[in-house]
Amino acid sequence: MHSSDTSLRTVRVIRYVTPLREGGSLPAIAEADDGFLYVLKFRGAGQGVKALVAELIGGQIASTLATQLPELGLKIPELVFATLDSAFGRTEPDEEIQDLLKASVGLNLGLHYLQGAITFDPVVNVVSPLLASAIVWMDCLLTNVDRTARNTNMLIWQKELWLIDHGASLYFHHSWQQWEEQAKKPFAMVKDHVLLPQASELEKVDAAIRSILTPERIRAIVDLLPDDWLNNWPSGESPDQIRDVYFNFLTTRLASSEIFVKEALHARSILI
């Protein structure tokens, strides 16, 4: 149930099912015109379109690795673009949700809903060293601050581990002008990563993943970012210029991966 390449389908939301009152973004379970349920991330939420950008880039990098390196065991639900028309949500009785839906008319992002999934528990659920290392490595690349014991953003579904929610990744984009400096920084927050104790094969996955995440693949992923999300960017740059920043940040960080791998190895040595 992960996409096989860097393309994304587009669905139309036809029914708001229930809110997921977790964090400040008020995601929701919604039904689309393809008959499936999705966890919807709204452009009108407090975190804005930058959370959707991080979700799309992080999710598509994970999907690429899941497809190209199946031996890692990475799994992520399919991401889709989800359109919301202006009539949607007019009968919603909750004013906060109605305001959110009004502010989210247009293109949003959906994650295939894994019905019956349970939250990953690091005490109960065993993760292989290879898979743990791949997830830690990827989160270091993406500077994902949100994969801790307090909030793992991983689910167990059909006895397998699935990654969800990369919206807190790429936090450099909140201080946009410093992307070059941020691209070469170690990821100090890796010390809090819930899978770091199991991540004993970081150097092995570093070589494997870098061979897959070529500049061409990174370009294909960032080119998915729709103009609709990138217009009226605070810095005033054009959508193409914004995509170039994300491309340059990621390719620079990939070329300097030894910096964040070294930091992760050091943090792990202290833990164990």
C-alpha atoms as a PDB file:
ATOM      1  CA  MET A   1       0.000   0.000   0.000  1.00  0.00           C
ATOM      2  CA  HIS A   2       2.883   2.374  -0.723  1.00  0.00           C
ATOM      3  CA  SER A   3       3.203   4.090  -4.084  1.00  0.00           C
ATOM      4  CA  SER A   4       5.624   2.520  -6.521  1.00  0.00           C
ATOM      5  CA  ASP A   5       7.184   5.725  -7.865  1.00  0.00           C
ATOM      6  CA  THR A   6       7.222   9.459  -7.230  1.00  0.00           C
ATOM      7  CA  SER A   7       3.792  10.157  -8.722  1.00  0.00           C
ATOM      8  CA  LEU A   8       0.749  10.950  -6.579  1.00  0.00           C
ATOM      9  CA  ARG A   9      -2.882  10.258  -7.371  1.00  0.00           C
ATOM     10  CA  THR A  10      -5.471  13.000  -6.827  1.00  0.00           C
ATOM     11  CA  VAL A  11      -8.767  12.214  -5.108  1.00  0.00           C
ATOM     12  CA  ARG A  12     -11.775  14.350  -4.220  1.00  0.00           C
ATOM     13  CA  VAL A  13     -12.988  14.388  -0.633  1.00  0.00           C
ATOM     14  CA  ILE A  14     -16.688  13.543  -0.411  1.00  0.00           C
ATOM     15  CA  ARG A  15     -17.275  12.965   3.315  1.00  0.00           C
ATOM     16  CA  TYR A  16     -15.763  14.223   6.545  1.00  0.00           C
ATOM     17  CA  VAL A  17     -15.861  11.263   8.936  1.00  0.00           C
ATOM     18  CA  THR A  18     -14.247  12.282  12.218  1.00  0.00           C
ATOM     19  CA  PRO A  19     -11.527  14.598  13.530  1.00  0.00           C
ATOM     20  CA  LEU A  20      -8.310  13.236  14.983  1.00  0.00           C
ATOM     21  CA  ARG A  21      -7.692  15.661  17.807  1.00  0.00           C
ATOM     22  CA  GLU A  22      -3.960  15.104  18.077  1.00  0.00           C
ATOM     23  CA  GLY A  23      -1.580  18.038  18.107  1.00  0.00           C
ATOM     24  CA  GLY A  24      -2.478  21.400  16.673  1.00  0.00           C
ATOM     25  CA  SER A  25      -3.185  20.481  13.068  1.00  0.00           C
ATOM     26  CA  LEU A  26      -6.597  18.813  13.521  1.00  0.00           C
ATOM     27  CA  PRO A  27      -6.187  16.081  10.897  1.00  0.00           C
ATOM     28  CA  ALA A  28      -9.304  14.071  10.137  1.00  0.00           C
ATOM     29  CA  ILE A  29     -10.465  10.787   8.713  1.00  0.00           C
ATOM     30  CA  ALA A  30     -12.303  11.464   5.474  1.00  0.00           C
ATOM     31  CA  GLU A  31     -13.736   9.460   2.599  1.00  0.00           C
ATOM     32  CA  ALA A  32     -12.708  10.164  -0.989  1.00  0.00           C
ATOM     33  CA  ASP A  33     -14.376   9.511  -4.302  1.00  0.00           C
ATOM     34  CA  ASP A  34     -12.257   6.388  -4.832  1.00  0.00           C
ATOM     35  CA  GLY A  35     -14.068   4.702  -1.937  1.00  0.00           C
ATOM     36  CA  PHE A  36     -11.103   4.720   0.455  1.00  0.00           C
ATOM     37  CA  LEU A  37     -10.631   6.448   3.794  1.00  0.00           C
ATOM     38  CA  TYR A  38      -7.714   8.828   4.296  1.00  0.00           C
ATOM     39  CA  VAL A  39      -6.139  10.711   7.151  1.00  0.00           C
ATOM     40  CA  LEU A  40      -6.419  14.226   5.785  1.00  0.00           C
ATOM     41  CA  LYS A  41      -3.824  16.911   6.484  1.00  0.00           C
ATOM     42  CA  PHE A  42      -5.301  20.368   5.894  1.00  0.00           C
ATOM     43  CA  ARG A  43      -3.583  23.332   4.309  1.00  0.00           C
ATOM     44  CA  GLY A  44      -5.660  25.635   6.511  1.00  0.00           C
ATOM     45  CA  ALA A  45      -4.358  24.150   9.776  1.00  0.00           C
ATOM     46  CA  GLY A  46      -2.214  26.243  12.085  1.00  0.00           C
ATOM     47  CA  GLN A  47       1.015  24.740  10.767  1.00  0.00           C
ATOM     48  CA  GLY A  48       0.125  25.814   7.225  1.00  0.00           C
ATOM     49  CA  VAL A  49       1.369  24.479   3.921  1.00  0.00           C
ATOM     50  CA  LYS A  50       4.936  23.957   5.176  1.00  0.00           C
ATOM     51  CA  ALA A  51       3.683  20.963   7.161  1.00  0.00           C
ATOM     52  CA  LEU A  52       2.174  19.575   3.937  1.00  0.00           C
ATOM     53  CA  VAL A  53       5.437  20.188   2.097  1.00  0.00           C
ATOM     54  CA  ALA A  54       7.358  18.280   4.777  1.00  0.00           C
ATOM     55  CA  GLU A  55       4.768  15.505   4.753  1.00  0.00           C
ATOM     56  CA  LEU A  56       4.944  15.111   0.991  1.00  0.00           C
ATOM     57  CA  ILE A  57       8.751  15.187   0.718  1.00  0.00           C
ATOM     58  CA  GLY A  58       9.293  12.930   3.735  1.00  0.00           C
ATOM     59  CA  GLY A  59       6.592  10.518   2.665  1.00  0.00           C
ATOM     60  CA  GLN A  60       7.839  10.243  -0.901  1.00  0.00           C
ATOM     61  CA  ILE A  61      11.427   9.692   0.201  1.00  0.00           C
ATOM     62  CA  ALA A  62      10.187   6.887   2.469  1.00  0.00           C
ATOM     63  CA  SER A  63       8.091   5.472  -0.374  1.00  0.00           C
ATOM     64  CA  THR A  64      11.067   5.564  -2.737  1.00  0.00           C
ATOM     65  CA  LEU A  65      13.204   3.632  -0.257  1.00  0.00           C
ATOM     66  CA  ALA A  66      10.374   1.156   0.373  1.00  0.00           C
ATOM     67  CA  THR A  67      10.182   0.430  -3.346  1.00  0.00           C
ATOM     68  CA  GLN A  68      13.848   0.547  -4.303  1.00  0.00           C
ATOM     69  CA  LEU A  69      15.295  -1.119  -1.194  1.00  0.00           C
ATOM     70  CA  PRO A  70      12.632  -3.638  -0.095  1.00  0.00           C
ATOM     71  CA  GLU A  71      15.187  -5.456   2.055  1.00  0.00           C
ATOM     72  CA  LEU A  72      15.033  -2.548   4.507  1.00  0.00           C
ATOM     73  CA  GLY A  73      11.405  -3.337   5.326  1.00  0.00           C
ATOM     74  CA  LEU A  74      10.221   0.283   5.230  1.00  0.00           C
ATOM     75  CA  LYS A  75       6.483   0.759   4.830  1.00  0.00           C
ATOM     76  CA  ILE A  76       4.400   3.906   4.500  1.00  0.00           C
ATOM     77  CA  PRO A  77       0.730   4.309   3.542  1.00  0.00           C
ATOM     78  CA  GLU A  78       0.045   5.791   0.125  1.00  0.00           C
ATOM     79  CA  LEU A  79       0.006   9.577  -0.055  1.00  0.00           C
ATOM     80  CA  VAL A  80      -2.528  11.317  -2.292  1.00  0.00           C
ATOM     81  CA  PHE A  81      -3.453  14.860  -3.178  1.00  0.00           C
ATOM     82  CA  ALA A  82      -6.954  15.470  -1.832  1.00  0.00           C
ATOM     83  CA  THR A  83      -9.149  18.251  -3.192  1.00  0.00           C
ATOM     84  CA  LEU A  84     -11.750  19.991  -1.075  1.00  0.00           C
ATOM     85  CA  ASP A  85     -14.411  22.087  -2.807  1.00  0.00           C
ATOM     86  CA  SER A  86     -15.971  25.219  -1.362  1.00  0.00           C
ATOM     87  CA  ALA A  87     -19.285  23.519  -0.553  1.00  0.00           C
ATOM     88  CA  PHE A  88     -17.629  20.909   1.620  1.00  0.00           C
ATOM     89  CA  GLY A  89     -18.203  21.240   5.348  1.00  0.00           C
ATOM     90  CA  ARG A  90     -20.977  23.866   5.266  1.00  0.00           C
ATOM     91  CA  THR A  91     -23.169  21.662   7.426  1.00  0.00           C
ATOM     92  CA  GLU A  92     -20.386  20.889   9.927  1.00  0.00           C
ATOM     93  CA  PRO A  93     -21.733  21.935  13.368  1.00  0.00           C
ATOM     94  CA  ASP A  94     -18.319  22.407  15.005  1.00  0.00           C
ATOM     95  CA  GLU A  95     -17.241  26.000  14.284  1.00  0.00           C
ATOM     96  CA  GLU A  96     -13.523  25.248  14.652  1.00  0.00           C
ATOM     97  CA  ILE A  97     -13.719  22.423  12.125  1.00  0.00           C
ATOM     98  CA  GLN A  98     -15.921  24.477   9.788  1.00  0.00           C
ATOM     99  CA  ASP A  99     -13.332  27.289   9.828  1.00  0.00           C
ATOM    100  CA  LEU A 100     -10.584  24.776   9.120  1.00  0.00           C
ATOM    101  CA  LEU A 101     -12.468  23.322   6.150  1.00  0.00           C
ATOM    102  CA  LYS A 102     -13.205  26.781   4.733  1.00  0.00           C
ATOM    103  CA  ALA A 103      -9.519  27.653   4.973  1.00  0.00           C
ATOM    104  CA  SER A 104      -8.545  24.404   3.254  1.00  0.00           C
ATOM    105  CA  VAL A 105     -10.506  24.673  -0.008  1.00  0.00           C
ATOM    106  CA  GLY A 106      -8.304  23.387  -2.803  1.00  0.00           C
ATOM    107  CA  LEU A 107      -5.446  20.920  -2.677  1.00  0.00           C
ATOM    108  CA  ASN A 108      -4.649  19.123   0.575  1.00  0.00           C
ATOM    109  CA  LEU A 109      -2.792  15.901   1.406  1.00  0.00           C
ATOM    110  CA  GLY A 110      -4.177  12.513   2.394  1.00  0.00           C
ATOM    111  CA  LEU A 111      -2.551   9.430   3.880  1.00  0.00           C
ATOM    112  CA  HIS A 112      -4.272   6.074   3.345  1.00  0.00           C
ATOM    113  CA  TYR A 113      -6.064   5.205   6.585  1.00  0.00           C
ATOM    114  CA  LEU A 114      -4.835   1.969   8.164  1.00  0.00           C
ATOM    115  CA  GLN A 115      -8.019   0.800   9.817  1.00  0.00           C
ATOM    116  CA  GLY A 116      -7.405  -1.150  13.006  1.00  0.00           C
ATOM    117  CA  ALA A 117      -3.747  -0.156  13.307  1.00  0.00           C
ATOM    118  CA  ILE A 118      -2.289   0.262  16.790  1.00  0.00           C
ATOM    119  CA  THR A 119       0.374   2.672  18.004  1.00  0.00           C
ATOM    120  CA  PHE A 120       3.918   1.343  17.965  1.00  0.00           C
ATOM    121  CA  ASP A 121       5.124   0.454  21.462  1.00  0.00           C
ATOM    122  CA  PRO A 122       8.936   0.296  21.779  1.00  0.00           C
ATOM    123  CA  VAL A 123       8.617  -1.981  24.809  1.00  0.00           C
ATOM    124  CA  VAL A 124       6.435  -4.555  23.064  1.00  0.00           C
ATOM    125  CA  ASN A 125       7.249  -4.292  19.358  1.00  0.00           C
ATOM    126  CA  VAL A 126      10.586  -5.614  18.069  1.00  0.00           C
ATOM    127  CA  VAL A 127      12.253  -3.818  15.139  1.00  0.00           C
ATOM    128  CA  SER A 128      15.142  -5.312  13.195  1.00  0.00           C
ATOM    129  CA  PRO A 129      18.494  -3.450  13.351  1.00  0.00           C
ATOM    130  CA  LEU A 130      18.369  -2.848   9.582  1.00  0.00           C
ATOM    131  CA  LEU A 131      14.885  -1.314   9.634  1.00  0.00           C
ATOM    132  CA  ALA A 132      15.628   0.719  12.765  1.00  0.00           C
ATOM    133  CA  SER A 133      18.820   2.031  11.166  1.00  0.00           C
ATOM    134  CA  ALA A 134      17.014   2.981   7.949  1.00  0.00           C
ATOM    135  CA  ILE A 135      14.339   4.927   9.841  1.00  0.00           C
ATOM    136  CA  VAL A 136      16.867   6.716  12.061  1.00  0.00           C
ATOM    137  CA  TRP A 137      19.003   7.567   9.018  1.00  0.00           C
ATOM    138  CA  MET A 138      16.027   8.913   7.084  1.00  0.00           C
ATOM    139  CA  ASP A 139      14.852  11.015  10.024  1.00  0.00           C
ATOM    140  CA  CYS A 140      18.348  12.471  10.345  1.00  0.00           C
ATOM    141  CA  LEU A 141      18.277  13.400   6.661  1.00  0.00           C
ATOM    142  CA  LEU A 142      14.858  15.001   7.054  1.00  0.00           C
ATOM    143  CA  THR A 143      15.606  16.497  10.492  1.00  0.00           C
ATOM    144  CA  ASN A 144      12.400  14.908  11.737  1.00  0.00           C
ATOM    145  CA  VAL A 145      11.993  15.944  15.383  1.00  0.00           C
ATOM    146  CA  ASP A 146       8.856  13.889  15.912  1.00  0.00           C
ATOM    147  CA  ARG A 147       9.795  10.216  16.281  1.00  0.00           C
ATOM    148  CA  THR A 148      10.349  10.025  20.031  1.00  0.00           C
ATOM    149  CA  ALA A 149       9.072   7.653  22.718  1.00  0.00           C
ATOM    150  CA  ARG A 150       6.480  10.294  23.580  1.00  0.00           C
ATOM    151  CA  ASN A 151       5.186  10.451  20.012  1.00  0.00           C
ATOM    152  CA  THR A 152       6.535   7.669  17.799  1.00  0.00           C
ATOM    153  CA  ASN A 153       4.513   8.420  14.647  1.00  0.00           C
ATOM    154  CA  MET A 154       4.647   4.730  13.790  1.00  0.00           C
ATOM    155  CA  LEU A 155       1.861   2.172  13.666  1.00  0.00           C
ATOM    156  CA  ILE A 156       1.631  -1.600  13.724  1.00  0.00           C
ATOM    157  CA  TRP A 157      -0.761  -2.780  11.031  1.00  0.00           C
ATOM    158  CA  GLN A 158      -1.125  -6.387   9.928  1.00  0.00           C
ATOM    159  CA  LYS A 159       1.870  -7.216  12.157  1.00  0.00           C
ATOM    160  CA  GLU A 160       4.153  -4.807  10.270  1.00  0.00           C
ATOM    161  CA  LEU A 161       5.620  -1.413  11.128  1.00  0.00           C
ATOM    162  CA  TRP A 162       4.306   1.568   9.155  1.00  0.00           C
ATOM    163  CA  LEU A 163       5.604   5.128   9.196  1.00  0.00           C
ATOM    164  CA  ILE A 164       3.175   8.034   9.429  1.00  0.00           C
ATOM    165  CA  ASP A 165       3.368  11.810   9.811  1.00  0.00           C
ATOM    166  CA  HIS A 166       6.481  13.582   8.558  1.00  0.00           C
ATOM    167  CA  GLY A 167       4.959  17.040   9.013  1.00  0.00           C
ATOM    168  CA  ALA A 168       7.547  18.062  11.619  1.00  0.00           C
ATOM    169  CA  SER A 169      10.441  17.372   9.222  1.00  0.00           C
ATOM    170  CA  LEU A 170      12.586  19.880   7.335  1.00  0.00           C
ATOM    171  CA  TYR A 171      12.402  22.438  10.107  1.00  0.00           C
ATOM    172  CA  PHE A 172      15.040  24.525   8.297  1.00  0.00           C
ATOM    173  CA  HIS A 173      12.174  25.963   6.249  1.00  0.00           C
ATOM    174  CA  HIS A 174      11.021  27.953   9.266  1.00  0.00           C
ATOM    175  CA  SER A 175      14.276  29.948   9.049  1.00  0.00           C
ATOM    176  CA  TRP A 176      14.342  29.892   5.281  1.00  0.00           C
ATOM    177  CA  GLN A 177      17.382  32.041   4.531  1.00  0.00           C
ATOM    178  CA  GLN A 178      19.759  29.780   6.473  1.00  0.00           C
ATOM    179  CA  TRP A 179      19.202  26.601   4.469  1.00  0.00           C
ATOM    180  CA  GLU A 180      22.852  26.188   3.419  1.00  0.00           C
ATOM    181  CA  GLU A 181      24.088  26.303   6.998  1.00  0.00           C
ATOM    182  CA  GLN A 182      21.308  23.972   8.171  1.00  0.00           C
ATOM    183  CA  ALA A 183      21.975  21.435   5.401  1.00  0.00           C
ATOM    184  CA  LYS A 184      25.405  20.570   6.796  1.00  0.00           C
ATOM    185  CA  LYS A 185      24.497  20.477  10.467  1.00  0.00           C
ATOM    186  CA  PRO A 186      24.348  17.242  12.480  1.00  0.00           C
ATOM    187  CA  PHE A 187      20.936  16.277  13.805  1.00  0.00           C
ATOM    188  CA  ALA A 188      21.327  16.693  17.558  1.00  0.00           C
ATOM    189  CA  MET A 189      17.735  15.595  18.253  1.00  0.00           C
ATOM    190  CA  VAL A 190      18.618  12.073  17.113  1.00  0.00           C
ATOM    191  CA  LYS A 191      19.524  11.364  20.746  1.00  0.00           C
ATOM    192  CA  ASP A 192      15.775  11.229  21.486  1.00  0.00           C
ATOM    193  CA  HIS A 193      14.859   8.942  18.561  1.00  0.00           C
ATOM    194  CA  VAL A 194      12.787   6.003  19.765  1.00  0.00           C
ATOM    195  CA  LEU A 195      14.629   3.516  17.513  1.00  0.00           C
ATOM    196  CA  LEU A 196      18.200   4.708  18.096  1.00  0.00           C
ATOM    197  CA  PRO A 197      19.090   1.855  20.513  1.00  0.00           C
ATOM    198  CA  GLN A 198      18.250  -0.706  17.781  1.00  0.00           C
ATOM    199  CA  ALA A 199      19.991   1.221  14.974  1.00  0.00           C
ATOM    200  CA  SER A 200      23.250  -0.735  14.841  1.00  0.00           C
ATOM    201  CA  GLU A 201      23.650  -0.666  11.036  1.00  0.00           C
ATOM    202  CA  LEU A 202      23.691   3.054  10.308  1.00  0.00           C
ATOM    203  CA  GLU A 203      26.877   2.962   8.211  1.00  0.00           C
ATOM    204  CA  LYS A 204      25.527   0.076   6.136  1.00  0.00           C
ATOM    205  CA  VAL A 205      22.238   1.811   5.348  1.00  0.00           C
ATOM    206  CA  ASP A 206      24.059   5.089   4.679  1.00  0.00           C
ATOM    207  CA  ALA A 207      25.805   3.580   1.663  1.00  0.00           C
ATOM    208  CA  ALA A 208      22.697   1.781   0.417  1.00  0.00           C
ATOM    209  CA  ILE A 209      20.322   4.726   0.715  1.00  0.00           C
ATOM    210  CA  ARG A 210      22.702   7.268  -0.780  1.00  0.00           C
ATOM    211  CA  SER A 211      22.975   5.088  -3.880  1.00  0.00           C
ATOM    212  CA  ILE A 212      19.192   5.255  -4.298  1.00  0.00           C
ATOM    213  CA  LEU A 213      18.472   8.890  -3.441  1.00  0.00           C
ATOM    214  CA  THR A 214      20.128  10.317  -6.529  1.00  0.00           C
ATOM    215  CA  PRO A 215      19.746  13.991  -7.478  1.00  0.00           C
ATOM    216  CA  GLU A 216      17.324  12.877 -10.200  1.00  0.00           C
ATOM    217  CA  ARG A 217      15.067  11.143  -7.666  1.00  0.00           C
ATOM    218  CA  ILE A 218      15.200  14.099  -5.268  1.00  0.00           C
ATOM    219  CA  ARG A 219      14.312  16.442  -8.128  1.00  0.00           C
ATOM    220  CA  ALA A 220      11.334  14.265  -9.091  1.00  0.00           C
ATOM    221  CA  ILE A 221      10.067  14.373  -5.493  1.00  0.00           C
ATOM    222  CA  VAL A 222      10.383  18.127  -4.966  1.00  0.00           C
ATOM    223  CA  ASP A 223       8.842  18.748  -8.389  1.00  0.00           C
ATOM    224  CA  LEU A 224       5.643  17.203  -6.995  1.00  0.00           C
ATOM    225  CA  LEU A 225       5.136  20.266  -4.786  1.00  0.00           C
ATOM    226  CA  PRO A 226       2.153  22.063  -6.331  1.00  0.00           C
ATOM    227  CA  ASP A 227       2.331  25.750  -7.238  1.00  0.00           C
ATOM    228  CA  ASP A 228      -0.845  26.184  -5.211  1.00  0.00           C
ATOM    229  CA  TRP A 229       1.094  25.521  -1.996  1.00  0.00           C
ATOM    230  CA  LEU A 230       4.085  27.655  -2.939  1.00  0.00           C
ATOM    231  CA  ASN A 231       2.412  30.846  -4.131  1.00  0.00           C
ATOM    232  CA  ASN A 232       2.634  33.756  -1.682  1.00  0.00           C
ATOM    233  CA  TRP A 233       5.661  32.250   0.080  1.00  0.00           C
ATOM    234  CA  PRO A 234       6.849  34.562   2.902  1.00  0.00           C
ATOM    235  CA  SER A 235      10.215  35.124   1.187  1.00  0.00           C
ATOM    236  CA  GLY A 236       8.504  36.179  -2.041  1.00  0.00           C
ATOM    237  CA  GLU A 237      10.254  33.541  -4.148  1.00  0.00           C
ATOM    238  CA  SER A 238       8.573  31.819  -7.075  1.00  0.00           C
ATOM    239  CA  PRO A 239       7.407  28.194  -6.849  1.00  0.00           C
ATOM    240  CA  ASP A 240      10.373  27.083  -8.977  1.00  0.00           C
ATOM    241  CA  GLN A 241      12.828  28.949  -6.747  1.00  0.00           C
ATOM    242  CA  ILE A 242      11.263  27.359  -3.661  1.00  0.00           C
ATOM    243  CA  ARG A 243      11.535  23.879  -5.155  1.00  0.00           C
ATOM    244  CA  ASP A 244      15.186  24.611  -5.910  1.00  0.00           C
ATOM    245  CA  VAL A 245      15.840  25.431  -2.245  1.00  0.00           C
ATOM    246  CA  TYR A 246      14.347  22.115  -1.114  1.00  0.00           C
ATOM    247  CA  PHE A 247      16.307  20.273  -3.816  1.00  0.00           C
ATOM    248  CA  ASN A 248      19.574  21.972  -2.865  1.00  0.00           C
ATOM    249  CA  PHE A 249      19.008  21.434   0.854  1.00  0.00           C
ATOM    250  CA  LEU A 250      18.364  17.708   0.415  1.00  0.00           C
ATOM    251  CA  THR A 251      21.164  17.024  -2.073  1.00  0.00           C
ATOM    252  CA  THR A 252      23.642  18.980   0.063  1.00  0.00           C
ATOM    253  CA  ARG A 253      22.559  17.053   3.140  1.00  0.00           C
ATOM    254  CA  LEU A 254      22.861  13.745   1.301  1.00  0.00           C
ATOM    255  CA  ALA A 255      26.362  14.623   0.140  1.00  0.00           C
ATOM    256  CA  SER A 256      27.272  15.432   3.763  1.00  0.00           C
ATOM    257  CA  SER A 257      25.545  12.430   5.342  1.00  0.00           C
ATOM    258  CA  GLU A 258      28.679  11.418   7.228  1.00  0.00           C
ATOM    259  CA  ILE A 259      28.051  14.426   9.490  1.00  0.00           C
ATOM    260  CA  PHE A 260      24.649  13.262  10.714  1.00  0.00           C
ATOM    261  CA  VAL A 261      25.667   9.592  10.729  1.00  0.00           C
ATOM    262  CA  LYS A 262      28.607  10.431  13.004  1.00  0.00           C
ATOM    263  CA  GLU A 263      26.277  12.336  15.341  1.00  0.00           C
ATOM    264  CA  ALA A 264      23.834   9.404  15.442  1.00  0.00           C
ATOM    265  CA  LEU A 265      26.616   6.916  16.169  1.00  0.00           C
ATOM    266  CA  HIS A 266      27.885   9.124  18.984  1.00  0.00           C
ATOM    267  CA  ALA A 267      24.396   9.527  20.487  1.00  0.00           C
ATOM    268  CA  ARG A 268      23.853   5.772  20.278  1.00  0.00           C
ATOM    269  CA  SER A 269      27.164   5.002  21.979  1.00  0.00           C
ATOM    270  CA  ILE A 270      26.059   7.078  24.954  1.00  0.00           C
ATOM    271  CA  LEU A 271      22.713   5.271  25.127  1.00  0.00           C
ATOM    272  CA  ILE A 272      24.062   1.729  25.056  1.00  0.00           C
END
